[in-house]
Amino acid sequence: MRTNRIRTIAVAATALVAALSLTACGGEDKAMGTKPAGAADTATPAATGADDKAQSDAPKAGEPETQTVPAEGKHAGGNGNGKKPETAPNEKAAPSIPACTPKNSTVKVSSVSRPINHLLLTVTNTGSTTCHAYYAPFLRFDGAQAVYPVLDDSKPQAVVTLSPGKKAYAGIALLGEPGQNEPVKSANLGVGMVDKNNQSKGESTVKLPAETYTDGLGFVTYWQSDVENALMF
């Protein structure tokens, strides 16, 4: 009986010591912040919305990357319906300047003191718009069939342009070399104006100064912008 009691007391003492040991270890672990063995960290930071979108937009392994292409008609230069924008209609070209003719100008002939045996022909723009005095006038003395000769050396660098009221001039040499032809007295002069193609645009008849003689060997100059150029030949 005594022996059994001693064993019982010994077993109880051993159990008490073990319990105290476990309690002491648990308190030490808690104080030091250690976790029980086998407890793994399972919490992870929450993914942000941007990260979620980036992950969803990223191509999956083995898939080719894609590129967004604008819908038809939306590309640069388009107007939304796939057609090119319409261009503005061409502006109307500026009207060309017409030739000076008997309809928009008048001519007159006058005597000059120098050079001798010369006349001065003047054309005046009487219209409301600008006109060109093209080439040289066609002259016919007293209705002669042949057109009076034109002096090619008198051709100006540019066509003479006349605004309303402005004038152009041409010099007329009446005689050629003395003794070649017999001079003939003339009373009237037909003056023809021409276009840019040197085609007749009508004729006016003017009265010549008294005692005007011509032998058909003279010449007329191209239209000039001033009197001096018209009478220098």
C-alpha atoms as a PDB file:
ATOM      1  CA  MET A   1       0.000   0.000   0.000  1.00  0.00           C
ATOM      2  CA  ARG A   2       2.818   2.363   0.839  1.00  0.00           C
ATOM      3  CA  THR A   3       4.630   1.469  -2.307  1.00  0.00           C
ATOM      4  CA  ASN A   4       1.577   2.268  -4.492  1.00  0.00           C
ATOM      5  CA  ARG A   5       1.079   5.579  -2.779  1.00  0.00           C
ATOM      6  CA  ILE A   6       4.693   6.563  -3.396  1.00  0.00           C
ATOM      7  CA  ARG A   7       4.301   5.689  -7.099  1.00  0.00           C
ATOM      8  CA  THR A   8       1.087   7.680  -7.288  1.00  0.00           C
ATOM      9  CA  ILE A   9       2.739  10.708  -5.723  1.00  0.00           C
ATOM     10  CA  ALA A  10       5.731  10.351  -8.057  1.00  0.00           C
ATOM     11  CA  VAL A  11       3.509  10.163 -11.174  1.00  0.00           C
ATOM     12  CA  ALA A  12       1.540  13.194 -10.011  1.00  0.00           C
ATOM     13  CA  ALA A  13       4.731  15.153  -9.404  1.00  0.00           C
ATOM     14  CA  THR A  14       6.077  14.288 -12.820  1.00  0.00           C
ATOM     15  CA  ALA A  15       2.826  15.413 -14.486  1.00  0.00           C
ATOM     16  CA  LEU A  16       2.934  18.675 -12.593  1.00  0.00           C
ATOM     17  CA  VAL A  17       6.506  19.368 -13.602  1.00  0.00           C
ATOM     18  CA  ALA A  18       5.641  18.701 -17.278  1.00  0.00           C
ATOM     19  CA  ALA A  19       2.651  21.024 -17.149  1.00  0.00           C
ATOM     20  CA  LEU A  20       4.712  23.784 -15.586  1.00  0.00           C
ATOM     21  CA  SER A  21       7.353  23.309 -18.304  1.00  0.00           C
ATOM     22  CA  LEU A  22       4.804  23.656 -21.091  1.00  0.00           C
ATOM     23  CA  THR A  23       3.290  26.728 -19.511  1.00  0.00           C
ATOM     24  CA  ALA A  24       6.681  28.340 -19.178  1.00  0.00           C
ATOM     25  CA  CYS A  25       7.599  27.595 -22.823  1.00  0.00           C
ATOM     26  CA  GLY A  26       4.281  28.978 -24.082  1.00  0.00           C
ATOM     27  CA  GLY A  27       4.750  32.184 -22.168  1.00  0.00           C
ATOM     28  CA  GLU A  28       8.326  32.556 -23.441  1.00  0.00           C
ATOM     29  CA  ASP A  29       7.204  32.028 -27.059  1.00  0.00           C
ATOM     30  CA  LYS A  30       4.446  34.603 -26.695  1.00  0.00           C
ATOM     31  CA  ALA A  31       6.775  37.109 -25.138  1.00  0.00           C
ATOM     32  CA  MET A  32       9.382  36.682 -27.897  1.00  0.00           C
ATOM     33  CA  GLY A  33       6.758  36.946 -30.689  1.00  0.00           C
ATOM     34  CA  THR A  34       7.525  33.597 -32.199  1.00  0.00           C
ATOM     35  CA  LYS A  35       4.789  31.679 -33.900  1.00  0.00           C
ATOM     36  CA  PRO A  36       4.015  28.084 -33.479  1.00  0.00           C
ATOM     37  CA  ALA A  37       5.919  25.811 -35.789  1.00  0.00           C
ATOM     38  CA  GLY A  38       4.156  25.129 -39.073  1.00  0.00           C
ATOM     39  CA  ALA A  39       2.230  28.449 -39.178  1.00  0.00           C
ATOM     40  CA  ALA A  40       3.032  29.983 -42.601  1.00  0.00           C
ATOM     41  CA  ASP A  41       2.387  33.570 -43.728  1.00  0.00           C
ATOM     42  CA  THR A  42      -0.613  33.433 -46.034  1.00  0.00           C
ATOM     43  CA  ALA A  43      -1.592  37.130 -46.322  1.00  0.00           C
ATOM     44  CA  THR A  44      -0.372  39.024 -49.482  1.00  0.00           C
ATOM     45  CA  PRO A  45      -0.802  42.680 -50.373  1.00  0.00           C
ATOM     46  CA  ALA A  46      -4.025  43.388 -52.273  1.00  0.00           C
ATOM     47  CA  ALA A  47      -3.410  44.072 -56.001  1.00  0.00           C
ATOM     48  CA  THR A  48      -4.293  47.574 -57.191  1.00  0.00           C
ATOM     49  CA  GLY A  49      -6.732  48.276 -60.066  1.00  0.00           C
ATOM     50  CA  ALA A  50      -3.873  49.452 -62.312  1.00  0.00           C
ATOM     51  CA  ASP A  51      -1.938  46.254 -61.674  1.00  0.00           C
ATOM     52  CA  ASP A  52      -5.054  44.187 -62.422  1.00  0.00           C
ATOM     53  CA  LYS A  53      -5.530  46.064 -65.761  1.00  0.00           C
ATOM     54  CA  ALA A  54      -1.871  45.700 -66.672  1.00  0.00           C
ATOM     55  CA  GLN A  55      -2.008  41.984 -65.970  1.00  0.00           C
ATOM     56  CA  SER A  56      -5.231  41.574 -67.978  1.00  0.00           C
ATOM     57  CA  ASP A  57      -3.856  43.588 -70.936  1.00  0.00           C
ATOM     58  CA  ALA A  58      -0.514  41.790 -71.004  1.00  0.00           C
ATOM     59  CA  PRO A  59      -0.330  39.054 -73.668  1.00  0.00           C
ATOM     60  CA  LYS A  60      -0.424  35.552 -72.390  1.00  0.00           C
ATOM     61  CA  ALA A  61       2.543  33.320 -72.836  1.00  0.00           C
ATOM     62  CA  GLY A  62       2.775  32.087 -76.421  1.00  0.00           C
ATOM     63  CA  GLU A  63       0.328  34.682 -77.825  1.00  0.00           C
ATOM     64  CA  PRO A  64       1.571  37.385 -80.349  1.00  0.00           C
ATOM     65  CA  GLU A  65       1.312  41.024 -79.384  1.00  0.00           C
ATOM     66  CA  THR A  66      -1.461  42.988 -81.122  1.00  0.00           C
ATOM     67  CA  GLN A  67      -1.654  46.623 -82.330  1.00  0.00           C
ATOM     68  CA  THR A  68      -4.797  48.714 -82.370  1.00  0.00           C
ATOM     69  CA  VAL A  69      -5.671  49.995 -85.900  1.00  0.00           C
ATOM     70  CA  PRO A  70      -8.063  52.967 -86.374  1.00  0.00           C
ATOM     71  CA  ALA A  71     -11.406  52.129 -87.936  1.00  0.00           C
ATOM     72  CA  GLU A  72     -11.789  52.861 -91.668  1.00  0.00           C
ATOM     73  CA  GLY A  73     -12.293  56.535 -92.384  1.00  0.00           C
ATOM     74  CA  LYS A  74     -10.884  57.646 -89.043  1.00  0.00           C
ATOM     75  CA  HIS A  75      -7.276  57.833 -90.086  1.00  0.00           C
ATOM     76  CA  ALA A  76      -5.473  61.116 -90.544  1.00  0.00           C
ATOM     77  CA  GLY A  77      -6.885  63.095 -93.437  1.00  0.00           C
ATOM     78  CA  GLY A  78     -10.195  61.235 -93.362  1.00  0.00           C
ATOM     79  CA  ASN A  79     -13.561  62.829 -92.754  1.00  0.00           C
ATOM     80  CA  GLY A  80     -15.170  59.964 -90.861  1.00  0.00           C
ATOM     81  CA  ASN A  81     -16.840  58.281 -93.819  1.00  0.00           C
ATOM     82  CA  GLY A  82     -13.808  56.804 -95.549  1.00  0.00           C
ATOM     83  CA  LYS A  83     -13.724  59.534 -98.211  1.00  0.00           C
ATOM     84  CA  LYS A  84     -11.042  62.131 -98.781  1.00  0.00           C
ATOM     85  CA  PRO A  85     -12.044  65.681 -97.907  1.00  0.00           C
ATOM     86  CA  GLU A  86     -13.337  67.624-100.856  1.00  0.00           C
ATOM     87  CA  THR A  87     -11.106  70.392-102.181  1.00  0.00           C
ATOM     88  CA  ALA A  88     -12.311  73.907-102.653  1.00  0.00           C
ATOM     89  CA  PRO A  89     -13.475  74.660-106.197  1.00  0.00           C
ATOM     90  CA  ASN A  90     -10.984  76.468-108.382  1.00  0.00           C
ATOM     91  CA  GLU A  91     -11.287  80.219-108.269  1.00  0.00           C
ATOM     92  CA  LYS A  92     -12.232  81.945-111.461  1.00  0.00           C
ATOM     93  CA  ALA A  93      -9.231  83.072-113.473  1.00  0.00           C
ATOM     94  CA  ALA A  94      -8.724  86.798-113.769  1.00  0.00           C
ATOM     95  CA  PRO A  95     -10.128  88.094-117.075  1.00  0.00           C
ATOM     96  CA  SER A  96      -7.496  88.650-119.763  1.00  0.00           C
ATOM     97  CA  ILE A  97      -6.761  92.181-120.907  1.00  0.00           C
ATOM     98  CA  PRO A  98      -8.369  92.863-124.316  1.00  0.00           C
ATOM     99  CA  ALA A  99      -6.736  94.513-127.305  1.00  0.00           C
ATOM    100  CA  CYS A 100      -7.204  98.193-127.985  1.00  0.00           C
ATOM    101  CA  THR A 101      -9.672  98.395-130.890  1.00  0.00           C
ATOM    102  CA  PRO A 102     -11.866 101.048-132.558  1.00  0.00           C
ATOM    103  CA  LYS A 103     -14.575 100.042-130.033  1.00  0.00           C
ATOM    104  CA  ASN A 104     -12.575 101.044-126.945  1.00  0.00           C
ATOM    105  CA  SER A 105     -10.062 103.576-128.324  1.00  0.00           C
ATOM    106  CA  THR A 106      -9.605 106.438-130.784  1.00  0.00           C
ATOM    107  CA  VAL A 107      -6.705 107.367-133.069  1.00  0.00           C
ATOM    108  CA  LYS A 108      -5.467 110.630-134.507  1.00  0.00           C
ATOM    109  CA  VAL A 109      -2.537 111.698-136.699  1.00  0.00           C
ATOM    110  CA  SER A 110      -0.558 114.933-136.382  1.00  0.00           C
ATOM    111  CA  SER A 111       2.411 116.713-137.971  1.00  0.00           C
ATOM    112  CA  VAL A 112       5.796 116.975-136.245  1.00  0.00           C
ATOM    113  CA  SER A 113       8.697 119.328-136.904  1.00  0.00           C
ATOM    114  CA  ARG A 114      11.362 116.666-136.427  1.00  0.00           C
ATOM    115  CA  PRO A 115      12.302 114.362-137.887  1.00  0.00           C
ATOM    116  CA  ILE A 116      11.293 115.761-141.273  1.00  0.00           C
ATOM    117  CA  ASN A 117       8.797 113.850-143.415  1.00  0.00           C
ATOM    118  CA  HIS A 118       7.316 112.151-140.341  1.00  0.00           C
ATOM    119  CA  LEU A 119       3.884 112.025-138.759  1.00  0.00           C
ATOM    120  CA  LEU A 120       2.868 111.014-135.226  1.00  0.00           C
ATOM    121  CA  LEU A 121       0.026 108.558-134.714  1.00  0.00           C
ATOM    122  CA  THR A 122      -1.663 108.531-131.293  1.00  0.00           C
ATOM    123  CA  VAL A 123      -4.111 105.990-129.860  1.00  0.00           C
ATOM    124  CA  THR A 124      -6.118 106.793-126.699  1.00  0.00           C
ATOM    125  CA  ASN A 125      -7.948 104.272-124.526  1.00  0.00           C
ATOM    126  CA  THR A 126     -11.493 105.658-124.290  1.00  0.00           C
ATOM    127  CA  GLY A 127     -12.939 102.567-122.615  1.00  0.00           C
ATOM    128  CA  SER A 128     -13.523 101.847-118.914  1.00  0.00           C
ATOM    129  CA  THR A 129     -10.989  99.019-118.674  1.00  0.00           C
ATOM    130  CA  THR A 130      -7.317  98.487-119.511  1.00  0.00           C
ATOM    131  CA  CYS A 131      -6.368  97.435-123.064  1.00  0.00           C
ATOM    132  CA  HIS A 132      -3.216  96.315-124.881  1.00  0.00           C
ATOM    133  CA  ALA A 133      -1.832  98.165-127.914  1.00  0.00           C
ATOM    134  CA  TYR A 134      -0.465  95.110-129.739  1.00  0.00           C
ATOM    135  CA  TYR A 135       2.235  95.136-132.434  1.00  0.00           C
ATOM    136  CA  ALA A 136       2.074  98.008-134.956  1.00  0.00           C
ATOM    137  CA  PRO A 137      -0.973  99.605-136.601  1.00  0.00           C
ATOM    138  CA  PHE A 138      -1.995  98.541-140.098  1.00  0.00           C
ATOM    139  CA  LEU A 139      -1.830 101.662-142.273  1.00  0.00           C
ATOM    140  CA  ARG A 140      -3.356 102.302-145.680  1.00  0.00           C
ATOM    141  CA  PHE A 141      -3.005 105.694-147.398  1.00  0.00           C
ATOM    142  CA  ASP A 142      -6.089 106.743-149.348  1.00  0.00           C
ATOM    143  CA  GLY A 143      -7.475 103.228-149.370  1.00  0.00           C
ATOM    144  CA  ALA A 144      -4.403 101.580-150.863  1.00  0.00           C
ATOM    145  CA  GLN A 145      -4.572  97.801-151.076  1.00  0.00           C
ATOM    146  CA  ALA A 146      -1.070  97.214-149.697  1.00  0.00           C
ATOM    147  CA  VAL A 147      -0.433  97.620-145.982  1.00  0.00           C
ATOM    148  CA  TYR A 148       2.245 100.123-145.121  1.00  0.00           C
ATOM    149  CA  PRO A 149       5.619  98.548-144.151  1.00  0.00           C
ATOM    150  CA  VAL A 150       6.373  98.008-140.417  1.00  0.00           C
ATOM    151  CA  LEU A 151       9.838  98.732-138.995  1.00  0.00           C
ATOM    152  CA  ASP A 152      10.824  95.561-137.109  1.00  0.00           C
ATOM    153  CA  ASP A 153      13.734  97.312-135.361  1.00  0.00           C
ATOM    154  CA  SER A 154      11.219  99.416-133.437  1.00  0.00           C
ATOM    155  CA  LYS A 155       9.697  96.468-131.543  1.00  0.00           C
ATOM    156  CA  PRO A 156       9.516  97.335-127.806  1.00  0.00           C
ATOM    157  CA  GLN A 157      10.543  94.988-125.008  1.00  0.00           C
ATOM    158  CA  ALA A 158       6.944  94.596-123.839  1.00  0.00           C
ATOM    159  CA  VAL A 159       3.434  95.175-125.102  1.00  0.00           C
ATOM    160  CA  VAL A 160       2.193  98.674-124.335  1.00  0.00           C
ATOM    161  CA  THR A 161      -0.667  98.550-121.832  1.00  0.00           C
ATOM    162  CA  LEU A 162      -3.119 101.444-121.610  1.00  0.00           C
ATOM    163  CA  SER A 163      -5.327 102.132-118.632  1.00  0.00           C
ATOM    164  CA  PRO A 164      -8.422 104.239-119.353  1.00  0.00           C
ATOM    165  CA  GLY A 165      -7.422 107.655-120.718  1.00  0.00           C
ATOM    166  CA  LYS A 166      -3.789 106.707-121.430  1.00  0.00           C
ATOM    167  CA  LYS A 167      -2.083 106.951-124.827  1.00  0.00           C
ATOM    168  CA  ALA A 168       0.368 105.063-127.061  1.00  0.00           C
ATOM    169  CA  TYR A 169       2.307 106.372-130.040  1.00  0.00           C
ATOM    170  CA  ALA A 170       3.659 105.252-133.412  1.00  0.00           C
ATOM    171  CA  GLY A 171       5.939 107.164-135.771  1.00  0.00           C
ATOM    172  CA  ILE A 172       5.244 107.281-139.508  1.00  0.00           C
ATOM    173  CA  ALA A 173       8.058 107.923-141.999  1.00  0.00           C
ATOM    174  CA  LEU A 174       6.440 109.198-145.215  1.00  0.00           C
ATOM    175  CA  LEU A 175       9.271 108.908-147.752  1.00  0.00           C
ATOM    176  CA  GLY A 176      12.039 106.494-148.598  1.00  0.00           C
ATOM    177  CA  GLU A 177      15.307 107.322-150.307  1.00  0.00           C
ATOM    178  CA  PRO A 178      14.929 110.361-152.550  1.00  0.00           C
ATOM    179  CA  GLY A 179      14.433 109.644-156.255  1.00  0.00           C
ATOM    180  CA  GLN A 180      13.282 106.019-155.899  1.00  0.00           C
ATOM    181  CA  ASN A 181       9.529 106.599-156.230  1.00  0.00           C
ATOM    182  CA  GLU A 182       7.444 109.611-157.174  1.00  0.00           C
ATOM    183  CA  PRO A 183       5.680 110.960-154.044  1.00  0.00           C
ATOM    184  CA  VAL A 184       1.885 110.957-154.144  1.00  0.00           C
ATOM    185  CA  LYS A 185      -0.365 113.291-152.163  1.00  0.00           C
ATOM    186  CA  SER A 186      -2.699 111.559-149.698  1.00  0.00           C
ATOM    187  CA  ALA A 187      -5.725 112.936-147.832  1.00  0.00           C
ATOM    188  CA  ASN A 188      -6.900 110.094-145.606  1.00  0.00           C
ATOM    189  CA  LEU A 189      -5.314 107.344-143.579  1.00  0.00           C
ATOM    190  CA  GLY A 190      -6.852 104.026-142.630  1.00  0.00           C
ATOM    191  CA  VAL A 191      -5.592 102.830-139.199  1.00  0.00           C
ATOM    192  CA  GLY A 192      -6.178  99.218-138.269  1.00  0.00           C
ATOM    193  CA  MET A 193      -5.758  97.835-134.742  1.00  0.00           C
ATOM    194  CA  VAL A 194      -4.724  94.223-134.120  1.00  0.00           C
ATOM    195  CA  ASP A 195      -5.051  91.607-131.389  1.00  0.00           C
ATOM    196  CA  LYS A 196      -2.387  89.494-129.676  1.00  0.00           C
ATOM    197  CA  ASN A 197      -2.259  87.216-132.739  1.00  0.00           C
ATOM    198  CA  ASN A 198      -1.600  90.238-134.981  1.00  0.00           C
ATOM    199  CA  GLN A 199      -5.024  89.843-136.552  1.00  0.00           C
ATOM    200  CA  SER A 200      -7.103  92.869-137.520  1.00  0.00           C
ATOM    201  CA  LYS A 201      -9.693  94.049-134.989  1.00  0.00           C
ATOM    202  CA  GLY A 202     -11.170  96.856-137.048  1.00  0.00           C
ATOM    203  CA  GLU A 203     -10.089 100.000-138.857  1.00  0.00           C
ATOM    204  CA  SER A 204     -10.620 103.708-138.339  1.00  0.00           C
ATOM    205  CA  THR A 205     -10.164 106.414-140.960  1.00  0.00           C
ATOM    206  CA  VAL A 206      -8.559 109.713-139.987  1.00  0.00           C
ATOM    207  CA  LYS A 207      -7.854 112.839-142.032  1.00  0.00           C
ATOM    208  CA  LEU A 208      -4.206 113.522-142.846  1.00  0.00           C
ATOM    209  CA  PRO A 209      -2.533 116.906-142.393  1.00  0.00           C
ATOM    210  CA  ALA A 210      -2.596 119.072-145.529  1.00  0.00           C
ATOM    211  CA  GLU A 211       0.144 118.488-148.089  1.00  0.00           C
ATOM    212  CA  THR A 212       0.940 114.990-146.957  1.00  0.00           C
ATOM    213  CA  TYR A 213       2.988 113.058-149.545  1.00  0.00           C
ATOM    214  CA  THR A 214       4.150 109.474-149.462  1.00  0.00           C
ATOM    215  CA  ASP A 215       6.041 107.335-151.943  1.00  0.00           C
ATOM    216  CA  GLY A 216       5.176 103.949-150.400  1.00  0.00           C
ATOM    217  CA  LEU A 217       8.766 103.397-149.245  1.00  0.00           C
ATOM    218  CA  GLY A 218       8.404 104.709-145.727  1.00  0.00           C
ATOM    219  CA  PHE A 219       7.434 102.757-142.589  1.00  0.00           C
ATOM    220  CA  VAL A 220       5.440 102.797-139.386  1.00  0.00           C
ATOM    221  CA  THR A 221       6.838 101.821-135.965  1.00  0.00           C
ATOM    222  CA  TYR A 222       5.393  99.502-133.336  1.00  0.00           C
ATOM    223  CA  TRP A 223       3.251 101.143-130.688  1.00  0.00           C
ATOM    224  CA  GLN A 224       5.456 102.889-128.106  1.00  0.00           C
ATOM    225  CA  SER A 225       4.766 104.140-124.588  1.00  0.00           C
ATOM    226  CA  ASP A 226       6.173 107.654-125.278  1.00  0.00           C
ATOM    227  CA  VAL A 227       6.585 110.120-128.137  1.00  0.00           C
ATOM    228  CA  GLU A 228      10.387 110.124-128.072  1.00  0.00           C
ATOM    229  CA  ASN A 229      10.620 106.400-128.807  1.00  0.00           C
ATOM    230  CA  ALA A 230       8.037 106.668-131.565  1.00  0.00           C
ATOM    231  CA  LEU A 231       9.990 109.393-133.389  1.00  0.00           C
ATOM    232  CA  MET A 232      13.550 108.195-132.875  1.00  0.00           C
ATOM    233  CA  PHE A 233      13.680 106.080-136.046  1.00  0.00           C
END
